[in-house]
Amino acid sequence: MTDGMNMADMFGKIMEMQEKISSAQETLAGKEVTAEAGGGMVKVTANGNQRIVSIKIEKEAVDPDDLEILEDLVIAGINKALEDAAAMAKTEMAQAAGGMLPPGMDLGSLGL
């Protein structure tokens, strides 16, 4: 009988964790991070779902004779914003799991 209770408890915990993860994913959609490149000449904002939501470029960053620099700044800003958004998502998901996962288990391998 003990095994049945343990399975029921485990199933309940799994359901609770799924609810917390779902809630955290909804929360992440509303959170944003902004990264800068070129001393703030390019600002890229990403949400917690790791989607770019805006890019702002200062006029001074636009040199028609050297678009390569602007392209590099945009790429750097996007990469930094996505890294920051991924870190934010990982933290949120770890908090949502709230110690329910075995030590060392990474939700990133599950796409979370």
C-alpha atoms as a PDB file:
ATOM      1  CA  MET A   1       0.000   0.000   0.000  1.00  0.00           C
ATOM      2  CA  THR A   2       2.882   2.361   0.670  1.00  0.00           C
ATOM      3  CA  ASP A   3       3.888   2.260  -3.010  1.00  0.00           C
ATOM      4  CA  GLY A   4       0.381   3.367  -4.022  1.00  0.00           C
ATOM      5  CA  MET A   5       0.545   6.325  -1.677  1.00  0.00           C
ATOM      6  CA  ASN A   6       3.974   7.284  -2.942  1.00  0.00           C
ATOM      7  CA  MET A   7       2.761   7.173  -6.563  1.00  0.00           C
ATOM      8  CA  ALA A   8      -0.280   9.287  -5.685  1.00  0.00           C
ATOM      9  CA  ASP A   9       1.913  11.789  -3.863  1.00  0.00           C
ATOM     10  CA  MET A  10       4.344  11.887  -6.755  1.00  0.00           C
ATOM     11  CA  PHE A  11       1.535  12.398  -9.282  1.00  0.00           C
ATOM     12  CA  GLY A  12       0.143  15.229  -7.157  1.00  0.00           C
ATOM     13  CA  LYS A  13       3.547  16.889  -7.010  1.00  0.00           C
ATOM     14  CA  ILE A  14       3.982  16.547 -10.765  1.00  0.00           C
ATOM     15  CA  MET A  15       0.603  18.197 -11.348  1.00  0.00           C
ATOM     16  CA  GLU A  16       1.495  20.985  -8.914  1.00  0.00           C
ATOM     17  CA  MET A  17       4.837  21.548 -10.655  1.00  0.00           C
ATOM     18  CA  GLN A  18       3.124  21.661 -14.075  1.00  0.00           C
ATOM     19  CA  GLU A  19       0.746  24.342 -12.796  1.00  0.00           C
ATOM     20  CA  LYS A  20       3.620  26.374 -11.368  1.00  0.00           C
ATOM     21  CA  ILE A  21       5.620  26.083 -14.598  1.00  0.00           C
ATOM     22  CA  SER A  22       2.609  27.120 -16.673  1.00  0.00           C
ATOM     23  CA  SER A  23       2.073  30.120 -14.426  1.00  0.00           C
ATOM     24  CA  ALA A  24       5.766  31.033 -14.638  1.00  0.00           C
ATOM     25  CA  GLN A  25       5.632  30.863 -18.457  1.00  0.00           C
ATOM     26  CA  GLU A  26       2.696  33.274 -18.473  1.00  0.00           C
ATOM     27  CA  THR A  27       4.565  35.595 -16.112  1.00  0.00           C
ATOM     28  CA  LEU A  28       7.665  35.461 -18.305  1.00  0.00           C
ATOM     29  CA  ALA A  29       5.702  36.625 -21.343  1.00  0.00           C
ATOM     30  CA  GLY A  30       5.071  39.884 -19.485  1.00  0.00           C
ATOM     31  CA  LYS A  31       8.632  40.412 -18.291  1.00  0.00           C
ATOM     32  CA  GLU A  32      11.253  42.161 -20.391  1.00  0.00           C
ATOM     33  CA  VAL A  33      14.988  42.763 -20.393  1.00  0.00           C
ATOM     34  CA  THR A  34      16.800  45.472 -22.345  1.00  0.00           C
ATOM     35  CA  ALA A  35      20.388  45.136 -23.506  1.00  0.00           C
ATOM     36  CA  GLU A  36      22.594  47.867 -24.934  1.00  0.00           C
ATOM     37  CA  ALA A  37      25.394  47.804 -27.471  1.00  0.00           C
ATOM     38  CA  GLY A  38      27.750  50.547 -28.564  1.00  0.00           C
ATOM     39  CA  GLY A  39      27.422  52.474 -25.326  1.00  0.00           C
ATOM     40  CA  GLY A  40      23.649  52.608 -25.610  1.00  0.00           C
ATOM     41  CA  MET A  41      23.510  53.500 -29.292  1.00  0.00           C
ATOM     42  CA  VAL A  42      21.501  50.303 -29.908  1.00  0.00           C
ATOM     43  CA  LYS A  43      18.974  49.035 -27.356  1.00  0.00           C
ATOM     44  CA  VAL A  44      17.265  45.683 -27.791  1.00  0.00           C
ATOM     45  CA  THR A  45      14.375  44.515 -25.627  1.00  0.00           C
ATOM     46  CA  ALA A  46      13.378  40.856 -25.333  1.00  0.00           C
ATOM     47  CA  ASN A  47      10.605  39.274 -23.308  1.00  0.00           C
ATOM     48  CA  GLY A  48      10.858  36.271 -21.021  1.00  0.00           C
ATOM     49  CA  ASN A  49       9.818  34.019 -23.881  1.00  0.00           C
ATOM     50  CA  GLN A  50      13.070  35.030 -25.579  1.00  0.00           C
ATOM     51  CA  ARG A  51      11.372  37.021 -28.315  1.00  0.00           C
ATOM     52  CA  ILE A  52      12.670  40.405 -29.457  1.00  0.00           C
ATOM     53  CA  VAL A  53       9.960  42.988 -28.795  1.00  0.00           C
ATOM     54  CA  SER A  54      11.783  46.190 -29.782  1.00  0.00           C
ATOM     55  CA  ILE A  55      14.985  47.624 -31.179  1.00  0.00           C
ATOM     56  CA  LYS A  56      15.902  51.296 -30.699  1.00  0.00           C
ATOM     57  CA  ILE A  57      18.762  52.845 -32.654  1.00  0.00           C
ATOM     58  CA  GLU A  58      20.192  56.302 -31.952  1.00  0.00           C
ATOM     59  CA  LYS A  59      20.571  58.506 -35.016  1.00  0.00           C
ATOM     60  CA  GLU A  60      24.289  58.826 -34.326  1.00  0.00           C
ATOM     61  CA  ALA A  61      24.675  55.083 -34.904  1.00  0.00           C
ATOM     62  CA  VAL A  62      23.500  55.392 -38.496  1.00  0.00           C
ATOM     63  CA  ASP A  63      26.366  56.122 -40.866  1.00  0.00           C
ATOM     64  CA  PRO A  64      25.299  55.407 -44.457  1.00  0.00           C
ATOM     65  CA  ASP A  65      28.945  54.960 -45.390  1.00  0.00           C
ATOM     66  CA  ASP A  66      29.544  52.314 -42.706  1.00  0.00           C
ATOM     67  CA  LEU A  67      26.450  50.185 -42.188  1.00  0.00           C
ATOM     68  CA  GLU A  68      28.623  47.261 -41.122  1.00  0.00           C
ATOM     69  CA  ILE A  69      29.201  48.857 -37.710  1.00  0.00           C
ATOM     70  CA  LEU A  70      25.458  49.317 -37.199  1.00  0.00           C
ATOM     71  CA  GLU A  71      24.814  45.720 -38.241  1.00  0.00           C
ATOM     72  CA  ASP A  72      27.415  44.511 -35.727  1.00  0.00           C
ATOM     73  CA  LEU A  73      25.839  46.625 -32.966  1.00  0.00           C
ATOM     74  CA  VAL A  74      22.372  45.235 -33.715  1.00  0.00           C
ATOM     75  CA  ILE A  75      23.678  41.664 -33.641  1.00  0.00           C
ATOM     76  CA  ALA A  76      25.525  42.302 -30.358  1.00  0.00           C
ATOM     77  CA  GLY A  77      22.427  43.868 -28.815  1.00  0.00           C
ATOM     78  CA  ILE A  78      20.168  41.024 -29.900  1.00  0.00           C
ATOM     79  CA  ASN A  79      22.553  38.354 -28.626  1.00  0.00           C
ATOM     80  CA  LYS A  80      22.904  40.095 -25.244  1.00  0.00           C
ATOM     81  CA  ALA A  81      19.128  40.587 -24.892  1.00  0.00           C
ATOM     82  CA  LEU A  82      18.464  36.926 -25.692  1.00  0.00           C
ATOM     83  CA  GLU A  83      21.144  35.803 -23.206  1.00  0.00           C
ATOM     84  CA  ASP A  84      19.600  37.994 -20.495  1.00  0.00           C
ATOM     85  CA  ALA A  85      16.086  36.754 -21.320  1.00  0.00           C
ATOM     86  CA  ALA A  86      17.262  33.134 -21.168  1.00  0.00           C
ATOM     87  CA  ALA A  87      18.887  33.731 -17.778  1.00  0.00           C
ATOM     88  CA  MET A  88      15.698  35.369 -16.506  1.00  0.00           C
ATOM     89  CA  ALA A  89      13.617  32.438 -17.791  1.00  0.00           C
ATOM     90  CA  LYS A  90      15.931  29.891 -16.184  1.00  0.00           C
ATOM     91  CA  THR A  91      15.666  31.680 -12.828  1.00  0.00           C
ATOM     92  CA  GLU A  92      11.859  31.920 -13.049  1.00  0.00           C
ATOM     93  CA  MET A  93      11.504  28.257 -13.959  1.00  0.00           C
ATOM     94  CA  ALA A  94      13.835  27.168 -11.172  1.00  0.00           C
ATOM     95  CA  GLN A  95      11.729  29.148  -8.712  1.00  0.00           C
ATOM     96  CA  ALA A  96       8.545  27.639 -10.147  1.00  0.00           C
ATOM     97  CA  ALA A  97       9.938  24.129  -9.708  1.00  0.00           C
ATOM     98  CA  GLY A  98      10.633  25.146  -6.121  1.00  0.00           C
ATOM     99  CA  GLY A  99      12.814  22.275  -5.038  1.00  0.00           C
ATOM    100  CA  MET A 100      10.542  19.677  -6.602  1.00  0.00           C
ATOM    101  CA  LEU A 101      13.224  18.568  -9.027  1.00  0.00           C
ATOM    102  CA  PRO A 102      16.060  16.255  -8.144  1.00  0.00           C
ATOM    103  CA  PRO A 103      19.392  18.055  -7.612  1.00  0.00           C
ATOM    104  CA  GLY A 104      21.173  18.742 -10.893  1.00  0.00           C
ATOM    105  CA  MET A 105      18.092  18.347 -13.100  1.00  0.00           C
ATOM    106  CA  ASP A 106      17.988  21.177 -15.624  1.00  0.00           C
ATOM    107  CA  LEU A 107      14.617  22.179 -17.102  1.00  0.00           C
ATOM    108  CA  GLY A 108      16.512  23.607 -20.094  1.00  0.00           C
ATOM    109  CA  SER A 109      16.920  20.122 -21.469  1.00  0.00           C
ATOM    110  CA  LEU A 110      13.135  19.914 -21.573  1.00  0.00           C
ATOM    111  CA  GLY A 111      12.793  23.185 -23.474  1.00  0.00           C
ATOM    112  CA  LEU A 112      11.658  25.071 -20.353  1.00  0.00           C
END
